[in-house]
Amino acid sequence: MIALALATLMLSSPVARWVDPHFGPILTTSSHQALYTWNAEKDFKIHCTGPCARAWPPLVVKRAVPKHVAGINGTFGTIRRPNGRVQLTFNRRPLYSYGGERAKQVLCNNVNGWFVVRLK
């Protein structure tokens, strides 16, 4: 029963670990779109709204997420956005994708303070 619950949790996780040829292991969405954090949010608060959030879509979740995901070292959580939606965090930092990228692409690392989430 526990194994089935764990397998279901892993299959429904909004994140995955993917190895990029240049950056090594990175955090991605379940469909392998790279996830980023923004230096302007080092205070663990949401600052990317409006046009910023259209270019850098937040990783919004509809239900509680586990604090830990197998194969990923770090802690997941959530933060409420100004519009009331719930955004996933990693080590307390809000997570975003970049709207101009496809799956398995990292085009915007170190662009205007945005950095792909590298894993250990």
N, C-alpha and C. Protein backbone atom coordinates (compact mmCIF):
# COMPACT_ATOMS: atom_id res chain seq x y z
N MET A 1 0.82 -1.19 0.00
CA MET A 1 0.00 0.00 0.00
C MET A 1 0.87 1.26 0.00
N ILE A 2 1.92 1.30 0.82
CA ILE A 2 2.81 2.46 0.88
C ILE A 2 3.52 2.64 -0.45
N ALA A 3 3.98 1.54 -1.07
CA ALA A 3 4.67 1.63 -2.36
C ALA A 3 3.74 2.21 -3.42
N LEU A 4 2.48 1.81 -3.42
CA LEU A 4 1.51 2.34 -4.38
C LEU A 4 1.30 3.84 -4.17
N ALA A 5 1.18 4.26 -2.93
CA ALA A 5 1.00 5.69 -2.64
C ALA A 5 2.23 6.48 -3.08
N LEU A 6 3.43 5.95 -2.85
CA LEU A 6 4.65 6.63 -3.26
C LEU A 6 4.73 6.71 -4.78
N ALA A 7 4.40 5.63 -5.47
CA ALA A 7 4.43 5.63 -6.93
C ALA A 7 3.44 6.65 -7.49
N THR A 8 2.25 6.73 -6.91
CA THR A 8 1.25 7.69 -7.35
C THR A 8 1.75 9.10 -7.14
N LEU A 9 2.37 9.36 -5.98
CA LEU A 9 2.91 10.67 -5.67
C LEU A 9 4.00 11.06 -6.67
N MET A 10 4.89 10.12 -6.99
CA MET A 10 5.98 10.41 -7.92
C MET A 10 5.44 10.69 -9.32
N LEU A 11 4.41 9.94 -9.75
CA LEU A 11 3.83 10.15 -11.07
C LEU A 11 3.11 11.49 -11.16
N SER A 12 2.56 11.97 -10.05
CA SER A 12 1.80 13.20 -10.08
C SER A 12 2.64 14.43 -9.71
N SER A 13 3.93 14.26 -9.51
CA SER A 13 4.77 15.38 -9.11
C SER A 13 4.84 16.42 -10.23
N PRO A 14 4.76 17.69 -9.88
CA PRO A 14 4.84 18.75 -10.90
C PRO A 14 6.28 19.01 -11.36
N VAL A 15 7.25 18.35 -10.75
CA VAL A 15 8.66 18.58 -11.09
C VAL A 15 9.37 17.27 -11.42
N ALA A 16 10.52 17.44 -12.10
CA ALA A 16 11.35 16.30 -12.44
C ALA A 16 12.81 16.74 -12.44
N ARG A 17 13.69 15.77 -12.42
CA ARG A 17 15.14 16.01 -12.53
C ARG A 17 15.53 15.62 -13.94
N TRP A 18 16.22 16.50 -14.62
CA TRP A 18 16.68 16.22 -15.99
C TRP A 18 18.13 16.64 -16.09
N VAL A 19 18.93 15.90 -16.84
CA VAL A 19 20.35 16.23 -17.01
C VAL A 19 20.53 16.95 -18.33
N ASP A 20 20.83 18.25 -18.23
CA ASP A 20 21.11 19.09 -19.40
C ASP A 20 22.57 18.88 -19.79
N PRO A 21 22.87 18.81 -21.10
CA PRO A 21 24.25 18.57 -21.53
C PRO A 21 25.23 19.67 -21.08
N HIS A 22 24.75 20.89 -20.88
CA HIS A 22 25.64 21.99 -20.48
C HIS A 22 25.61 22.25 -18.97
N PHE A 23 24.44 22.22 -18.36
CA PHE A 23 24.29 22.59 -16.95
C PHE A 23 24.29 21.40 -15.99
N GLY A 24 24.22 20.19 -16.51
CA GLY A 24 24.14 19.02 -15.64
C GLY A 24 22.73 18.86 -15.12
N PRO A 25 22.57 18.25 -13.94
CA PRO A 25 21.22 18.02 -13.40
C PRO A 25 20.52 19.34 -13.08
N ILE A 26 19.31 19.49 -13.62
CA ILE A 26 18.51 20.69 -13.35
C ILE A 26 17.10 20.27 -12.96
N LEU A 27 16.38 21.21 -12.36
CA LEU A 27 14.99 21.01 -12.00
C LEU A 27 14.12 21.44 -13.18
N THR A 28 13.15 20.61 -13.53
CA THR A 28 12.24 20.92 -14.64
C THR A 28 10.80 20.65 -14.22
N THR A 29 9.89 21.08 -15.07
CA THR A 29 8.50 20.68 -14.90
C THR A 29 8.41 19.19 -15.23
N SER A 30 7.28 18.59 -14.98
CA SER A 30 7.12 17.16 -15.31
C SER A 30 7.27 16.91 -16.80
N SER A 31 7.08 17.93 -17.63
CA SER A 31 7.26 17.79 -19.08
C SER A 31 8.65 18.28 -19.53
N HIS A 32 9.57 18.42 -18.60
CA HIS A 32 10.98 18.76 -18.83
C HIS A 32 11.24 20.17 -19.34
N GLN A 33 10.40 21.11 -18.96
CA GLN A 33 10.69 22.51 -19.24
C GLN A 33 11.50 23.04 -18.06
N ALA A 34 12.64 23.67 -18.34
CA ALA A 34 13.54 24.15 -17.29
C ALA A 34 12.83 25.09 -16.33
N LEU A 35 13.21 24.99 -15.05
CA LEU A 35 12.67 25.87 -14.03
C LEU A 35 13.75 26.83 -13.55
N TYR A 36 13.32 28.06 -13.24
CA TYR A 36 14.23 29.15 -12.89
C TYR A 36 13.81 29.80 -11.57
N THR A 37 14.78 30.46 -10.95
CA THR A 37 14.50 31.38 -9.85
C THR A 37 15.04 32.74 -10.28
N TRP A 38 14.53 33.79 -9.64
CA TRP A 38 14.90 35.16 -9.99
C TRP A 38 15.58 35.80 -8.79
N ASN A 39 16.73 36.41 -9.01
CA ASN A 39 17.48 37.03 -7.92
C ASN A 39 16.68 38.10 -7.18
N ALA A 40 15.75 38.75 -7.85
CA ALA A 40 14.92 39.77 -7.19
C ALA A 40 14.04 39.16 -6.10
N GLU A 41 13.91 37.84 -6.08
CA GLU A 41 13.07 37.18 -5.09
C GLU A 41 13.89 36.41 -4.05
N LYS A 42 15.12 36.85 -3.83
CA LYS A 42 15.94 36.23 -2.79
C LYS A 42 15.34 36.45 -1.40
N ASP A 43 14.40 37.38 -1.30
CA ASP A 43 13.72 37.62 -0.02
C ASP A 43 12.54 36.67 0.19
N PHE A 44 12.39 35.70 -0.73
CA PHE A 44 11.34 34.67 -0.64
C PHE A 44 9.94 35.25 -0.79
N LYS A 45 9.82 36.37 -1.50
CA LYS A 45 8.52 36.99 -1.77
C LYS A 45 8.32 37.08 -3.28
N ILE A 46 7.07 37.16 -3.71
CA ILE A 46 6.73 37.26 -5.13
C ILE A 46 6.92 38.70 -5.60
N HIS A 47 7.75 38.86 -6.62
CA HIS A 47 7.93 40.17 -7.26
C HIS A 47 7.63 40.10 -8.76
N CYS A 48 7.58 38.89 -9.31
CA CYS A 48 7.31 38.71 -10.74
C CYS A 48 5.80 38.59 -10.93
N THR A 49 5.18 39.70 -11.37
CA THR A 49 3.74 39.74 -11.63
C THR A 49 3.52 40.44 -12.96
N GLY A 50 2.30 40.50 -13.42
CA GLY A 50 1.96 41.23 -14.65
C GLY A 50 2.78 40.76 -15.84
N PRO A 51 3.40 41.71 -16.58
CA PRO A 51 4.18 41.34 -17.77
C PRO A 51 5.32 40.35 -17.45
N CYS A 52 5.91 40.49 -16.28
CA CYS A 52 6.97 39.56 -15.88
C CYS A 52 6.43 38.13 -15.83
N ALA A 53 5.28 37.94 -15.21
CA ALA A 53 4.71 36.60 -15.08
C ALA A 53 4.19 36.06 -16.41
N ARG A 54 3.93 36.93 -17.38
CA ARG A 54 3.55 36.45 -18.71
C ARG A 54 4.79 35.91 -19.43
N ALA A 55 5.92 36.57 -19.27
CA ALA A 55 7.17 36.09 -19.89
C ALA A 55 7.75 34.91 -19.12
N TRP A 56 7.61 34.94 -17.80
CA TRP A 56 8.14 33.91 -16.91
C TRP A 56 6.98 33.29 -16.14
N PRO A 57 6.26 32.36 -16.75
CA PRO A 57 5.09 31.79 -16.08
C PRO A 57 5.45 31.08 -14.77
N PRO A 58 4.76 31.43 -13.68
CA PRO A 58 5.00 30.76 -12.41
C PRO A 58 4.52 29.31 -12.48
N LEU A 59 5.19 28.43 -11.73
CA LEU A 59 4.75 27.04 -11.66
C LEU A 59 3.66 26.97 -10.59
N VAL A 60 2.42 27.03 -11.06
CA VAL A 60 1.25 27.05 -10.19
C VAL A 60 0.78 25.62 -9.94
N VAL A 61 0.43 25.34 -8.70
CA VAL A 61 -0.07 24.00 -8.34
C VAL A 61 -1.48 24.14 -7.76
N LYS A 62 -2.26 23.07 -7.92
CA LYS A 62 -3.65 23.10 -7.46
C LYS A 62 -3.85 22.39 -6.14
N ARG A 63 -2.83 21.61 -5.72
CA ARG A 63 -2.97 20.88 -4.47
C ARG A 63 -1.64 20.85 -3.73
N ALA A 64 -1.69 20.39 -2.52
CA ALA A 64 -0.47 20.30 -1.72
C ALA A 64 0.57 19.43 -2.41
N VAL A 65 1.81 19.76 -2.21
CA VAL A 65 2.91 19.00 -2.82
C VAL A 65 3.77 18.42 -1.69
N PRO A 66 4.46 17.32 -1.99
CA PRO A 66 5.34 16.77 -0.96
C PRO A 66 6.53 17.69 -0.72
N LYS A 67 7.05 17.69 0.49
CA LYS A 67 8.23 18.51 0.79
C LYS A 67 9.47 17.97 0.08
N HIS A 68 9.49 16.66 -0.16
CA HIS A 68 10.65 16.04 -0.79
C HIS A 68 10.18 15.16 -1.93
N VAL A 69 10.97 15.15 -3.03
CA VAL A 69 10.69 14.33 -4.19
C VAL A 69 11.90 13.42 -4.39
N ALA A 70 11.66 12.15 -4.60
CA ALA A 70 12.74 11.18 -4.78
C ALA A 70 13.68 11.63 -5.90
N GLY A 71 14.98 11.58 -5.62
CA GLY A 71 15.99 11.93 -6.61
C GLY A 71 16.33 13.42 -6.68
N ILE A 72 15.65 14.24 -5.87
CA ILE A 72 15.90 15.68 -5.88
C ILE A 72 16.22 16.13 -4.45
N ASN A 73 17.44 16.64 -4.24
CA ASN A 73 17.83 17.13 -2.93
C ASN A 73 17.37 18.57 -2.78
N GLY A 74 16.52 18.80 -1.82
CA GLY A 74 15.98 20.13 -1.56
C GLY A 74 14.58 20.00 -1.01
N THR A 75 14.01 21.13 -0.63
CA THR A 75 12.69 21.13 0.00
C THR A 75 11.71 21.94 -0.83
N PHE A 76 10.56 21.34 -1.10
CA PHE A 76 9.51 22.00 -1.85
C PHE A 76 8.48 22.57 -0.89
N GLY A 77 7.82 23.61 -1.33
CA GLY A 77 6.75 24.24 -0.57
C GLY A 77 5.91 25.05 -1.52
N THR A 78 5.09 25.93 -0.98
CA THR A 78 4.25 26.79 -1.80
C THR A 78 4.22 28.19 -1.23
N ILE A 79 3.83 29.12 -2.09
CA ILE A 79 3.65 30.51 -1.70
C ILE A 79 2.41 31.02 -2.44
N ARG A 80 1.64 31.85 -1.79
CA ARG A 80 0.44 32.40 -2.43
C ARG A 80 0.82 33.64 -3.24
N ARG A 81 0.43 33.65 -4.50
CA ARG A 81 0.69 34.79 -5.39
C ARG A 81 -0.32 35.90 -5.09
N PRO A 82 -0.02 37.14 -5.51
CA PRO A 82 -0.96 38.25 -5.27
C PRO A 82 -2.36 38.00 -5.83
N ASN A 83 -2.47 37.18 -6.90
CA ASN A 83 -3.78 36.89 -7.48
C ASN A 83 -4.48 35.72 -6.79
N GLY A 84 -3.88 35.19 -5.72
CA GLY A 84 -4.49 34.11 -4.95
C GLY A 84 -4.08 32.72 -5.36
N ARG A 85 -3.46 32.57 -6.51
CA ARG A 85 -3.02 31.25 -6.95
C ARG A 85 -1.84 30.80 -6.10
N VAL A 86 -1.59 29.50 -6.09
CA VAL A 86 -0.52 28.93 -5.27
C VAL A 86 0.63 28.50 -6.17
N GLN A 87 1.82 28.99 -5.86
CA GLN A 87 3.02 28.74 -6.66
C GLN A 87 3.97 27.81 -5.91
N LEU A 88 4.59 26.90 -6.64
CA LEU A 88 5.55 25.98 -6.05
C LEU A 88 6.86 26.70 -5.76
N THR A 89 7.48 26.35 -4.64
CA THR A 89 8.80 26.88 -4.28
C THR A 89 9.78 25.73 -4.12
N PHE A 90 11.06 26.05 -4.28
CA PHE A 90 12.13 25.09 -4.04
C PHE A 90 13.14 25.78 -3.14
N ASN A 91 13.38 25.21 -1.98
CA ASN A 91 14.23 25.85 -0.97
C ASN A 91 13.78 27.29 -0.72
N ARG A 92 12.45 27.44 -0.65
CA ARG A 92 11.74 28.70 -0.36
C ARG A 92 11.72 29.70 -1.52
N ARG A 93 12.37 29.40 -2.63
CA ARG A 93 12.39 30.33 -3.78
C ARG A 93 11.28 29.97 -4.77
N PRO A 94 10.45 30.95 -5.18
CA PRO A 94 9.41 30.70 -6.17
C PRO A 94 10.00 30.19 -7.49
N LEU A 95 9.29 29.26 -8.13
CA LEU A 95 9.75 28.64 -9.38
C LEU A 95 8.97 29.14 -10.59
N TYR A 96 9.72 29.33 -11.69
CA TYR A 96 9.15 29.83 -12.95
C TYR A 96 9.76 29.06 -14.12
N SER A 97 9.02 29.01 -15.20
CA SER A 97 9.60 28.56 -16.47
C SER A 97 9.77 29.81 -17.33
N TYR A 98 10.36 29.65 -18.51
CA TYR A 98 10.47 30.79 -19.43
C TYR A 98 9.57 30.50 -20.62
N GLY A 99 8.69 31.43 -20.94
CA GLY A 99 7.69 31.23 -21.98
C GLY A 99 8.25 30.98 -23.37
N GLY A 100 9.49 31.39 -23.62
CA GLY A 100 10.09 31.22 -24.95
C GLY A 100 10.87 29.93 -25.12
N GLU A 101 10.81 29.04 -24.13
CA GLU A 101 11.56 27.78 -24.22
C GLU A 101 10.64 26.60 -24.45
N ARG A 102 11.18 25.61 -25.13
CA ARG A 102 10.50 24.32 -25.27
C ARG A 102 11.09 23.37 -24.24
N ALA A 103 10.54 22.19 -24.17
CA ALA A 103 11.08 21.16 -23.28
C ALA A 103 12.54 20.90 -23.61
N LYS A 104 13.33 20.66 -22.58
CA LYS A 104 14.75 20.32 -22.68
C LYS A 104 15.59 21.43 -23.30
N GLN A 105 15.19 22.68 -23.09
CA GLN A 105 15.97 23.84 -23.51
C GLN A 105 16.28 24.70 -22.30
N VAL A 106 17.49 25.28 -22.29
CA VAL A 106 17.86 26.26 -21.26
C VAL A 106 18.45 27.44 -22.03
N LEU A 107 17.63 28.47 -22.26
CA LEU A 107 18.06 29.61 -23.07
C LEU A 107 18.35 30.86 -22.24
N CYS A 108 17.85 30.91 -21.02
CA CYS A 108 17.88 32.18 -20.29
C CYS A 108 18.62 32.14 -18.96
N ASN A 109 19.54 31.20 -18.79
CA ASN A 109 20.32 31.19 -17.56
C ASN A 109 21.19 32.44 -17.50
N ASN A 110 21.21 33.10 -16.36
CA ASN A 110 22.01 34.31 -16.14
C ASN A 110 21.57 35.46 -17.04
N VAL A 111 20.28 35.56 -17.29
CA VAL A 111 19.70 36.66 -18.05
C VAL A 111 18.86 37.50 -17.10
N ASN A 112 19.26 38.74 -16.89
CA ASN A 112 18.52 39.67 -16.03
C ASN A 112 18.21 39.10 -14.64
N GLY A 113 19.15 38.35 -14.10
CA GLY A 113 18.99 37.82 -12.75
C GLY A 113 18.22 36.51 -12.65
N TRP A 114 17.87 35.89 -13.78
CA TRP A 114 17.18 34.60 -13.79
C TRP A 114 18.21 33.49 -13.92
N PHE A 115 18.05 32.45 -13.10
CA PHE A 115 18.99 31.33 -13.13
C PHE A 115 18.24 30.01 -13.10
N VAL A 116 18.68 29.10 -13.96
CA VAL A 116 18.10 27.75 -13.97
C VAL A 116 18.44 27.10 -12.64
N VAL A 117 17.52 26.27 -12.15
CA VAL A 117 17.73 25.61 -10.86
C VAL A 117 18.60 24.37 -11.10
N ARG A 118 19.85 24.48 -10.66
CA ARG A 118 20.79 23.36 -10.79
C ARG A 118 20.69 22.48 -9.55
N LEU A 119 20.75 21.19 -9.78
CA LEU A 119 20.65 20.23 -8.68
C LEU A 119 22.00 19.61 -8.40
N LYS A 120 22.15 19.14 -7.17
CA LYS A 120 23.40 18.51 -6.78
C LYS A 120 23.37 17.04 -7.10
